[in-house]
Amino acid sequence: MNRKKKIKSTLLAKQKKANAKLHKSNKPKYISKAERAKMAAESEQAKSVEQVDQESNT
């Protein structure tokens, strides 16, 4: 009986792991505080460049 139980439990564990890999999480990827600050600075710089371009075109 123990041998059957052990085999069944190992197969179930493998199946659970395979199913877990198929279903990805909806949680967004973690972005560090330093990375967020860097992205904010880049977007701010891009906005300022766009404003300068618009002013020079008009």
PDB file of N, CA and C in Angstrom:
ATOM      1  N   MET A   1       0.816  -1.198   0.000  1.00  0.00           N
ATOM      2  CA  MET A   1       0.000   0.000   0.000  1.00  0.00           C
ATOM      3  C   MET A   1       0.863   1.267   0.000  1.00  0.00           C
ATOM      4  N   ASN A   2       1.916   1.236   0.795  1.00  0.00           N
ATOM      5  CA  ASN A   2       2.779   2.416   0.865  1.00  0.00           C
ATOM      6  C   ASN A   2       3.440   2.724  -0.472  1.00  0.00           C
ATOM      7  N   ARG A   3       3.821   1.656  -1.205  1.00  0.00           N
ATOM      8  CA  ARG A   3       4.469   1.868  -2.491  1.00  0.00           C
ATOM      9  C   ARG A   3       3.515   2.550  -3.467  1.00  0.00           C
ATOM     10  N   LYS A   4       2.258   2.110  -3.494  1.00  0.00           N
ATOM     11  CA  LYS A   4       1.259   2.728  -4.373  1.00  0.00           C
ATOM     12  C   LYS A   4       1.034   4.189  -3.986  1.00  0.00           C
ATOM     13  N   LYS A   5       0.951   4.433  -2.700  1.00  0.00           N
ATOM     14  CA  LYS A   5       0.723   5.800  -2.218  1.00  0.00           C
ATOM     15  C   LYS A   5       1.894   6.707  -2.600  1.00  0.00           C
ATOM     16  N   LYS A   6       3.102   6.203  -2.454  1.00  0.00           N
ATOM     17  CA  LYS A   6       4.296   6.992  -2.783  1.00  0.00           C
ATOM     18  C   LYS A   6       4.323   7.325  -4.276  1.00  0.00           C
ATOM     19  N   ILE A   7       4.039   6.344  -5.122  1.00  0.00           N
ATOM     20  CA  ILE A   7       4.040   6.557  -6.576  1.00  0.00           C
ATOM     21  C   ILE A   7       2.963   7.572  -6.954  1.00  0.00           C
ATOM     22  N   LYS A   8       1.775   7.395  -6.396  1.00  0.00           N
ATOM     23  CA  LYS A   8       0.674   8.305  -6.705  1.00  0.00           C
ATOM     24  C   LYS A   8       0.998   9.730  -6.263  1.00  0.00           C
ATOM     25  N   SER A   9       1.581   9.878  -5.077  1.00  0.00           N
ATOM     26  CA  SER A   9       1.899  11.218  -4.586  1.00  0.00           C
ATOM     27  C   SER A   9       2.973  11.890  -5.435  1.00  0.00           C
ATOM     28  N   THR A  10       3.974  11.126  -5.897  1.00  0.00           N
ATOM     29  CA  THR A  10       5.006  11.736  -6.744  1.00  0.00           C
ATOM     30  C   THR A  10       4.435  12.156  -8.089  1.00  0.00           C
ATOM     31  N   LEU A  11       3.558  11.315  -8.665  1.00  0.00           N
ATOM     32  CA  LEU A  11       2.952  11.673  -9.949  1.00  0.00           C
ATOM     33  C   LEU A  11       2.035  12.888  -9.807  1.00  0.00           C
ATOM     34  N   LEU A  12       1.286  12.951  -8.714  1.00  0.00           N
ATOM     35  CA  LEU A  12       0.423  14.110  -8.489  1.00  0.00           C
ATOM     36  C   LEU A  12       1.244  15.379  -8.305  1.00  0.00           C
ATOM     37  N   ALA A  13       2.364  15.256  -7.612  1.00  0.00           N
ATOM     38  CA  ALA A  13       3.220  16.419  -7.392  1.00  0.00           C
ATOM     39  C   ALA A  13       3.775  16.930  -8.723  1.00  0.00           C
ATOM     40  N   LYS A  14       4.195  16.018  -9.594  1.00  0.00           N
ATOM     41  CA  LYS A  14       4.693  16.417 -10.917  1.00  0.00           C
ATOM     42  C   LYS A  14       3.610  17.118 -11.720  1.00  0.00           C
ATOM     43  N   GLN A  15       2.404  16.567 -11.648  1.00  0.00           N
ATOM     44  CA  GLN A  15       1.287  17.146 -12.391  1.00  0.00           C
ATOM     45  C   GLN A  15       0.944  18.540 -11.874  1.00  0.00           C
ATOM     46  N   LYS A  16       0.970  18.713 -10.563  1.00  0.00           N
ATOM     47  CA  LYS A  16       0.681  20.023  -9.987  1.00  0.00           C
ATOM     48  C   LYS A  16       1.722  21.049 -10.419  1.00  0.00           C
ATOM     49  N   LYS A  17       2.989  20.650 -10.455  1.00  0.00           N
ATOM     50  CA  LYS A  17       4.049  21.564 -10.885  1.00  0.00           C
ATOM     51  C   LYS A  17       3.888  21.945 -12.354  1.00  0.00           C
ATOM     52  N   ALA A  18       3.506  20.976 -13.180  1.00  0.00           N
ATOM     53  CA  ALA A  18       3.307  21.254 -14.606  1.00  0.00           C
ATOM     54  C   ALA A  18       2.146  22.218 -14.802  1.00  0.00           C
ATOM     55  N   ASN A  19       1.056  22.026 -14.071  1.00  0.00           N
ATOM     56  CA  ASN A  19      -0.085  22.923 -14.169  1.00  0.00           C
ATOM     57  C   ASN A  19       0.264  24.322 -13.678  1.00  0.00           C
ATOM     58  N   ALA A  20       1.076  24.400 -12.640  1.00  0.00           N
ATOM     59  CA  ALA A  20       1.465  25.705 -12.105  1.00  0.00           C
ATOM     60  C   ALA A  20       2.293  26.488 -13.128  1.00  0.00           C
ATOM     61  N   LYS A  21       3.101  25.802 -13.909  1.00  0.00           N
ATOM     62  CA  LYS A  21       3.895  26.488 -14.933  1.00  0.00           C
ATOM     63  C   LYS A  21       3.017  27.021 -16.061  1.00  0.00           C
ATOM     64  N   LEU A  22       1.920  26.336 -16.342  1.00  0.00           N
ATOM     65  CA  LEU A  22       1.041  26.764 -17.427  1.00  0.00           C
ATOM     66  C   LEU A  22       0.291  28.043 -17.091  1.00  0.00           C
ATOM     67  N   HIS A  23      -0.089  28.204 -15.849  1.00  0.00           N
ATOM     68  CA  HIS A  23      -0.887  29.349 -15.437  1.00  0.00           C
ATOM     69  C   HIS A  23       0.019  30.429 -14.865  1.00  0.00           C
ATOM     70  N   LYS A  24       0.282  31.420 -15.667  1.00  0.00           N
ATOM     71  CA  LYS A  24       1.142  32.521 -15.234  1.00  0.00           C
ATOM     72  C   LYS A  24       0.362  33.477 -14.339  1.00  0.00           C
ATOM     73  N   SER A  25       1.065  34.173 -13.509  1.00  0.00           N
ATOM     74  CA  SER A  25       0.452  35.114 -12.579  1.00  0.00           C
ATOM     75  C   SER A  25       0.107  36.418 -13.295  1.00  0.00           C
ATOM     76  N   ASN A  26      -0.943  37.069 -12.842  1.00  0.00           N
ATOM     77  CA  ASN A  26      -1.326  38.367 -13.395  1.00  0.00           C
ATOM     78  C   ASN A  26      -0.606  39.501 -12.687  1.00  0.00           C
ATOM     79  N   LYS A  27       0.199  39.156 -11.721  1.00  0.00           N
ATOM     80  CA  LYS A  27       0.921  40.158 -10.950  1.00  0.00           C
ATOM     81  C   LYS A  27       1.961  40.846 -11.834  1.00  0.00           C
ATOM     82  N   PRO A  28       2.038  42.172 -11.796  1.00  0.00           N
ATOM     83  CA  PRO A  28       3.030  42.861 -12.626  1.00  0.00           C
ATOM     84  C   PRO A  28       4.455  42.579 -12.143  1.00  0.00           C
ATOM     85  N   LYS A  29       5.386  42.652 -13.057  1.00  0.00           N
ATOM     86  CA  LYS A  29       6.783  42.402 -12.731  1.00  0.00           C
ATOM     87  C   LYS A  29       7.288  43.483 -11.772  1.00  0.00           C
ATOM     88  N   TYR A  30       8.107  43.091 -10.800  1.00  0.00           N
ATOM     89  CA  TYR A  30       8.619  44.027  -9.809  1.00  0.00           C
ATOM     90  C   TYR A  30       9.644  44.952 -10.454  1.00  0.00           C
ATOM     91  N   ILE A  31       9.512  46.245 -10.182  1.00  0.00           N
ATOM     92  CA  ILE A  31      10.465  47.247 -10.648  1.00  0.00           C
ATOM     93  C   ILE A  31      11.017  47.944  -9.422  1.00  0.00           C
ATOM     94  N   SER A  32      12.330  47.945  -9.283  1.00  0.00           N
ATOM     95  CA  SER A  32      12.952  48.518  -8.095  1.00  0.00           C
ATOM     96  C   SER A  32      12.751  50.032  -8.049  1.00  0.00           C
ATOM     97  N   LYS A  33      12.935  50.568  -6.868  1.00  0.00           N
ATOM     98  CA  LYS A  33      12.739  52.001  -6.657  1.00  0.00           C
ATOM     99  C   LYS A  33      13.717  52.807  -7.520  1.00  0.00           C
ATOM    100  N   ALA A  34      14.953  52.346  -7.612  1.00  0.00           N
ATOM    101  CA  ALA A  34      15.957  53.042  -8.416  1.00  0.00           C
ATOM    102  C   ALA A  34      15.574  52.999  -9.898  1.00  0.00           C
ATOM    103  N   GLU A  35      15.053  51.863 -10.333  1.00  0.00           N
ATOM    104  CA  GLU A  35      14.648  51.728 -11.729  1.00  0.00           C
ATOM    105  C   GLU A  35      13.460  52.634 -12.047  1.00  0.00           C
ATOM    106  N   ARG A  36      12.508  52.750 -11.093  1.00  0.00           N
ATOM    107  CA  ARG A  36      11.367  53.649 -11.293  1.00  0.00           C
ATOM    108  C   ARG A  36      11.829  55.093 -11.394  1.00  0.00           C
ATOM    109  N   ALA A  37      12.782  55.480 -10.553  1.00  0.00           N
ATOM    110  CA  ALA A  37      13.304  56.847 -10.582  1.00  0.00           C
ATOM    111  C   ALA A  37      14.007  57.117 -11.918  1.00  0.00           C
ATOM    112  N   LYS A  38      14.745  56.125 -12.392  1.00  0.00           N
ATOM    113  CA  LYS A  38      15.449  56.265 -13.674  1.00  0.00           C
ATOM    114  C   LYS A  38      14.456  56.435 -14.820  1.00  0.00           C
ATOM    115  N   MET A  39      13.388  55.637 -14.806  1.00  0.00           N
ATOM    116  CA  MET A  39      12.374  55.730 -15.854  1.00  0.00           C
ATOM    117  C   MET A  39      11.658  57.075 -15.799  1.00  0.00           C
ATOM    118  N   ALA A  40      11.385  57.572 -14.591  1.00  0.00           N
ATOM    119  CA  ALA A  40      10.722  58.861 -14.449  1.00  0.00           C
ATOM    120  C   ALA A  40      11.603  59.982 -14.988  1.00  0.00           C
ATOM    121  N   ALA A  41      12.891  59.911 -14.701  1.00  0.00           N
ATOM    122  CA  ALA A  41      13.820  60.933 -15.181  1.00  0.00           C
ATOM    123  C   ALA A  41      13.895  60.908 -16.711  1.00  0.00           C
ATOM    124  N   GLU A  42      13.919  59.711 -17.284  1.00  0.00           N
ATOM    125  CA  GLU A  42      13.975  59.609 -18.742  1.00  0.00           C
ATOM    126  C   GLU A  42      12.710  60.164 -19.395  1.00  0.00           C
ATOM    127  N   SER A  43      11.551  59.873 -18.795  1.00  0.00           N
ATOM    128  CA  SER A  43      10.308  60.379 -19.379  1.00  0.00           C
ATOM    129  C   SER A  43      10.229  61.899 -19.232  1.00  0.00           C
ATOM    130  N   GLU A  44      10.710  62.416 -18.123  1.00  0.00           N
ATOM    131  CA  GLU A  44      10.724  63.868 -17.914  1.00  0.00           C
ATOM    132  C   GLU A  44      11.635  64.541 -18.938  1.00  0.00           C
ATOM    133  N   GLN A  45      12.773  63.918 -19.202  1.00  0.00           N
ATOM    134  CA  GLN A  45      13.705  64.466 -20.188  1.00  0.00           C
ATOM    135  C   GLN A  45      13.080  64.428 -21.587  1.00  0.00           C
ATOM    136  N   ALA A  46      12.381  63.356 -21.903  1.00  0.00           N
ATOM    137  CA  ALA A  46      11.748  63.236 -23.215  1.00  0.00           C
ATOM    138  C   ALA A  46      10.660  64.303 -23.386  1.00  0.00           C
ATOM    139  N   LYS A  47       9.906  64.568 -22.326  1.00  0.00           N
ATOM    140  CA  LYS A  47       8.865  65.597 -22.387  1.00  0.00           C
ATOM    141  C   LYS A  47       9.471  66.969 -22.624  1.00  0.00           C
ATOM    142  N   SER A  48      10.569  67.253 -21.947  1.00  0.00           N
ATOM    143  CA  SER A  48      11.196  68.564 -22.107  1.00  0.00           C
ATOM    144  C   SER A  48      11.747  68.729 -23.518  1.00  0.00           C
ATOM    145  N   VAL A  49      12.280  67.664 -24.093  1.00  0.00           N
ATOM    146  CA  VAL A  49      12.795  67.715 -25.461  1.00  0.00           C
ATOM    147  C   VAL A  49      11.649  67.947 -26.438  1.00  0.00           C
ATOM    148  N   GLU A  50      10.508  67.309 -26.207  1.00  0.00           N
ATOM    149  CA  GLU A  50       9.343  67.494 -27.088  1.00  0.00           C
ATOM    150  C   GLU A  50       8.844  68.945 -27.001  1.00  0.00           C
ATOM    151  N   GLN A  51       8.844  69.515 -25.812  1.00  0.00           N
ATOM    152  CA  GLN A  51       8.374  70.894 -25.655  1.00  0.00           C
ATOM    153  C   GLN A  51       9.291  71.852 -26.382  1.00  0.00           C
ATOM    154  N   VAL A  52      10.589  71.619 -26.310  1.00  0.00           N
ATOM    155  CA  VAL A  52      11.559  72.473 -26.993  1.00  0.00           C
ATOM    156  C   VAL A  52      11.358  72.366 -28.503  1.00  0.00           C
ATOM    157  N   ASP A  53      11.119  71.164 -29.009  1.00  0.00           N
ATOM    158  CA  ASP A  53      10.894  70.960 -30.441  1.00  0.00           C
ATOM    159  C   ASP A  53       9.634  71.677 -30.898  1.00  0.00           C
ATOM    160  N   GLN A  54       8.587  71.602 -30.111  1.00  0.00           N
ATOM    161  CA  GLN A  54       7.323  72.261 -30.467  1.00  0.00           C
ATOM    162  C   GLN A  54       7.482  73.778 -30.473  1.00  0.00           C
ATOM    163  N   GLU A  55       8.199  74.303 -29.494  1.00  0.00           N
ATOM    164  CA  GLU A  55       8.400  75.745 -29.446  1.00  0.00           C
ATOM    165  C   GLU A  55       9.244  76.233 -30.620  1.00  0.00           C
ATOM    166  N   SER A  56      10.216  75.449 -31.027  1.00  0.00           N
ATOM    167  CA  SER A  56      11.079  75.866 -32.140  1.00  0.00           C
ATOM    168  C   SER A  56      10.342  75.764 -33.481  1.00  0.00           C
ATOM    169  N   ASN A  57       9.382  74.858 -33.573  1.00  0.00           N
ATOM    170  CA  ASN A  57       8.619  74.701 -34.825  1.00  0.00           C
ATOM    171  C   ASN A  57       7.596  75.800 -35.006  1.00  0.00           C
ATOM    172  N   THR A  58       7.109  76.384 -33.947  1.00  0.00           N
ATOM    173  CA  THR A  58       6.064  77.424 -34.077  1.00  0.00           C
ATOM    174  C   THR A  58       6.627  78.797 -34.195  1.00  0.00           C
TER     175      THR A  58
END
